[in-house]
Protein backbone atom coordinates (compact mmCIF):
# COMPACT_ATOMS: atom_id res chain seq x y z
CA MET A 1 89.35 63.75 83.72
CA ALA A 2 87.08 63.64 86.97
CA GLU A 3 83.82 62.92 86.30
CA THR A 4 81.13 65.69 86.94
CA LYS A 5 77.64 65.22 88.59
CA GLU A 6 75.01 65.42 86.30
CA LEU A 7 72.65 67.61 86.17
CA THR A 8 68.82 66.72 86.81
CA LEU A 9 65.61 68.15 86.07
CA PHE A 10 64.86 68.77 89.81
CA GLU A 11 68.15 70.08 90.88
CA GLY A 12 68.27 72.69 93.57
CA ILE A 13 64.41 71.80 94.44
CA THR A 14 63.66 70.27 97.74
CA GLU A 15 61.77 67.39 97.96
CA ASP A 16 58.88 68.73 99.58
CA HIS A 17 58.92 71.40 96.74
CA VAL A 18 59.09 68.45 93.87
CA GLU A 19 56.00 66.99 95.32
CA LYS A 20 54.00 70.40 95.01
CA MET A 21 55.15 71.08 91.91
CA THR A 22 54.13 67.40 90.38
CA GLN A 23 50.49 67.85 91.83
CA CYS A 24 50.47 71.63 90.12
CA PHE A 25 52.11 70.31 86.56
CA ASP A 26 49.42 67.43 86.67
CA THR A 27 52.13 64.81 86.41
CA VAL A 28 51.63 61.23 85.13
CA THR A 29 53.75 58.67 86.27
CA GLN A 30 53.88 55.16 83.95
CA VAL A 31 55.55 51.98 84.19
CA PHE A 32 57.29 50.26 81.29
CA GLN A 33 58.48 46.67 80.36
CA PRO A 34 61.30 46.03 77.90
CA LYS A 35 60.89 46.70 74.24
CA ASP A 36 57.89 48.61 75.48
CA THR A 37 57.33 51.49 73.43
CA ILE A 38 57.82 54.45 76.37
CA MET A 39 57.15 57.62 73.52
CA THR A 40 56.61 58.53 70.27
CA TYR A 41 57.19 62.24 69.17
CA SER A 42 54.49 64.20 67.62
CA ASP A 43 55.46 67.16 65.13
CA HIS A 44 54.76 69.72 68.33
CA LEU A 45 56.13 70.16 71.72
CA GLU A 46 53.96 68.23 73.56
CA LYS A 47 55.36 66.56 76.85
CA ILE A 48 58.60 65.63 78.12
CA GLY A 49 59.53 62.49 80.00
CA ILE A 50 61.78 62.02 83.13
CA LEU A 51 63.16 58.64 83.51
CA THR A 52 63.28 58.03 87.21
CA GLU A 53 64.26 54.27 86.91
CA GLY A 54 65.66 51.81 84.64
CA THR A 55 67.35 52.35 80.80
CA ALA A 56 66.09 52.93 77.38
CA PHE A 57 67.12 53.72 73.71
CA LEU A 58 66.04 56.86 71.50
CA TYR A 59 65.58 55.33 67.93
CA THR A 60 65.11 57.41 64.93
CA LEU A 61 62.99 55.49 62.06
CA ASP A 62 63.82 56.76 58.49
CA PHE A 63 61.99 56.85 55.39
CA GLU A 64 63.40 53.33 54.35
CA GLY A 65 61.96 52.01 57.68
CA ARG A 66 65.62 51.66 59.34
CA CYS A 67 65.64 51.84 62.79
CA ASN A 68 69.39 53.55 64.25
CA ILE A 69 69.91 54.32 68.00
CA LEU A 70 70.58 58.01 68.48
CA GLU A 71 70.72 58.18 72.44
CA TYR A 72 70.96 56.00 75.65
CA PHE A 73 68.93 57.12 78.34
CA HIS A 74 69.56 56.40 82.07
CA ALA A 75 67.79 57.47 85.44
CA GLY A 76 67.49 61.21 85.67
CA ASP A 77 67.62 61.78 82.02
CA VAL A 78 64.93 63.74 80.04
CA PHE A 79 63.61 63.16 76.87
CA GLY A 80 60.43 64.77 74.64
CA GLU A 81 59.89 66.74 71.58
CA ILE A 82 61.92 69.61 72.58
CA PHE A 83 65.28 67.91 72.27
CA THR A 84 64.32 66.18 68.40
CA LEU A 85 66.66 66.86 65.89
CA PRO A 86 64.67 69.08 62.99
CA ILE A 87 64.72 66.18 60.08
CA ARG A 88 61.80 65.81 58.29
CA ASP A 89 60.59 62.27 57.22
CA GLN A 90 62.18 60.49 60.04
CA GLY A 91 60.07 59.32 63.31
CA PHE A 92 61.57 59.18 66.77
CA PHE A 93 60.78 56.72 69.62
CA ILE A 94 61.62 56.01 72.98
CA GLU A 95 61.93 52.40 73.31
CA ALA A 96 62.59 50.70 76.93
CA GLU A 97 65.53 48.34 77.45
CA SER A 98 64.90 47.37 81.00
CA PRO A 99 61.85 47.83 83.13
CA CYS A 100 61.20 51.37 83.29
CA THR A 101 59.81 54.12 85.46
CA VAL A 102 58.63 57.47 83.90
CA LEU A 103 57.25 60.90 85.07
CA PHE A 104 55.68 63.03 82.11
CA ILE A 105 55.05 66.49 82.04
CA GLN A 106 52.82 68.26 79.71
CA TYR A 107 55.10 71.10 78.04
CA SER A 108 52.84 73.35 78.23
CA GLN A 109 52.30 73.02 81.87
CA LEU A 110 56.40 73.28 82.15
CA VAL A 111 56.49 76.91 80.85
CA LYS A 112 53.42 78.42 81.83
CA ARG A 113 53.64 81.75 83.80
CA CYS A 114 53.55 80.51 87.76
CA GLU A 115 50.49 82.43 89.58
CA ASN A 116 52.82 82.51 92.50
CA ALA A 117 55.91 83.46 91.25
CA CYS A 118 57.52 80.43 92.32
CA LEU A 119 61.51 80.41 92.62
CA HIS A 120 61.37 76.68 92.48
CA HIS A 121 59.60 76.70 89.17
CA SER A 122 62.11 79.24 87.43
CA GLN A 123 64.99 76.65 88.75
CA LEU A 124 63.12 73.88 87.06
CA VAL A 125 63.14 76.01 83.73
CA SER A 126 66.50 77.10 83.84
CA ASN A 127 67.95 73.44 84.60
CA LEU A 128 65.50 72.41 81.50
CA PHE A 129 67.45 74.78 78.97
CA GLN A 130 70.43 73.47 80.67
CA MET A 131 69.43 70.03 79.79
CA VAL A 132 68.71 71.16 76.25
CA ALA A 133 72.53 72.47 75.90
CA LYS A 134 73.62 69.46 76.93
CA LYS A 135 71.40 67.38 74.74
CA SER A 136 72.70 69.17 71.73
CA GLN A 137 76.30 68.78 72.67
CA GLN A 138 75.57 64.78 73.18
CA GLN A 139 74.32 65.11 69.55
CA THR A 140 77.35 66.85 68.16
CA LEU A 141 79.43 64.09 69.83
CA HIS A 142 77.16 61.37 68.31
CA LEU A 143 77.43 63.14 64.65
CA ASN A 144 81.31 63.24 65.39
CA ILE A 145 81.45 59.81 66.09
CA LEU A 146 79.62 58.78 62.96
CA SER A 147 81.44 60.95 60.69
CA GLN A 148 84.65 59.13 61.37
CA ARG A 149 86.20 57.08 58.12
CA ASN A 150 86.80 53.89 59.30
CA MET A 151 85.16 51.65 61.55
CA ARG A 152 88.04 51.43 64.06
CA SER A 153 88.19 55.47 64.41
CA LYS A 154 84.60 55.19 65.43
CA LEU A 155 85.23 52.64 68.13
CA LEU A 156 88.37 54.75 69.29
CA VAL A 157 86.63 58.05 69.73
CA TYR A 158 83.65 56.24 71.08
CA PHE A 159 85.71 54.40 73.64
CA SER A 160 87.57 57.80 74.46
CA TYR A 161 84.65 59.48 75.22
CA LEU A 162 83.69 56.76 77.60
CA HIS A 163 87.00 56.97 79.28
CA GLN A 164 86.88 60.74 79.88
CA LEU A 165 83.07 60.21 81.15
CA GLN A 166 84.08 57.48 83.65
CA ASN A 167 87.34 58.27 84.48
CA THR A 168 87.91 54.52 84.74
CA ASN A 169 90.14 52.04 82.52
CA PRO A 170 88.54 49.61 81.94
CA ILE A 171 85.43 51.43 80.85
CA GLN A 172 81.88 49.87 81.14
CA LEU A 173 80.01 49.68 78.08
CA PRO A 174 76.77 51.26 78.51
CA MET A 175 74.67 48.69 76.30
CA SER A 176 75.28 45.65 74.57
CA TYR A 177 77.45 44.96 71.31
CA THR A 178 74.31 45.00 69.28
CA SER A 179 73.08 48.03 70.61
CA LEU A 180 76.52 49.29 70.06
CA ALA A 181 76.67 48.40 66.41
CA ASN A 182 73.26 50.09 66.12
CA TYR A 183 74.70 53.25 67.62
CA LEU A 184 77.90 53.38 65.37
CA CYS A 185 75.71 52.30 62.20
CA VAL A 186 77.63 49.54 61.18
CA ASP A 187 77.02 45.72 60.92
CA ARG A 188 77.77 43.89 63.86
CA SER A 189 79.58 40.96 62.59
CA ALA A 190 82.03 43.51 60.75
CA MET A 191 82.49 45.50 64.35
CA MET A 192 83.16 42.26 65.94
CA ARG A 193 86.20 41.30 63.29
CA GLU A 194 87.16 45.17 63.87
CA LEU A 195 87.16 44.44 67.94
CA LYS A 196 89.19 41.10 67.70
CA GLN A 197 91.88 42.87 65.32
CA MET A 198 92.19 45.74 67.62
CA LYS A 199 92.93 43.07 70.28
CA LEU A 200 95.41 41.65 68.38
CA ALA A 201 96.93 44.89 67.27
CA ASN A 202 97.13 45.59 71.45
CA LEU A 203 95.03 48.36 71.33
CA ILE A 204 92.32 46.96 73.51
CA ALA A 205 91.28 44.12 75.83
CA THR A 206 87.94 42.96 76.47
CA GLU A 207 85.81 41.02 79.03
CA GLY A 208 82.27 40.68 78.23
CA THR A 209 80.94 44.62 77.85
CA LYS A 210 84.05 45.74 79.83
CA VAL A 211 86.85 47.18 77.67
CA THR A 212 90.28 48.27 78.65
CA LEU A 213 92.07 50.61 76.83
CA LEU A 214 95.95 49.74 76.50
CA GLU A 215 96.73 52.97 74.63
CA GLN A 216 95.56 55.54 76.60
CA PRO A 217 93.59 58.18 74.72
CA VAL A 218 94.62 61.52 75.18
CA SER A 219 92.38 63.71 77.46
C-alpha cells in the first residue's frame, strides 16, 4: 500500500495567501518545551492549534486521575476542542514530547463569514472538515486496537496499521515503548514480555524502536 500525502490545513493555499489569512485571523504562534502543556480543552469550541514543528501527545485524564494517550501529533497536525470525544468527566490536554511550535487560531475567526468571499478561506474550511473526518477515522482505529482481546492482538493490529501507513518493513514506532504501552492501555513490563515472546515465536524482530514484521500482515 503506497503512502498517501497527508492533508494539511493550508493545503491548496499559496504562501502569500497563508500570510494574509494569518493576519486576518489574528493568529498567535507559541513555542513549547518537552513536557509543557500546549493546550487544555475547554467545554466549548474555543480555538484550534496547528503543530508546525515538533511532536506532541493528546492525553485524557479520567475521573480517577489516570492519564492515557489518545493520539500522537507531528508537524502539520491540527488539534482542539472540535476533535474532542464527547465523554463527560474526562479532561483532555496536549503535552509537548519534543520542542514544539504551534500556531493558534480562534475557532470563531475560522468559521466567520469572510467579508471578501475569499476562495482561500473556503478552501481552509473545507480542509478543516476533511481533517475532522480523518481524526474520526484515527479514533476509530484506536478503539479497534483497544477492543482486541489480548495484548498480542493489540500489538499486531497496531504494527499492521504502521506497516500500511509507512509502506516499509521494518516499521518505525513513532513513540517510545513507554508511550506505546500508555497508548495501548497496558502495563509496560507486561508489554515488553509479550514483545519478547513474539520475537521468540519469530513473529517480529526489533532494533530499538524499529520493528520488523517476520509474518507479513494482510493488506
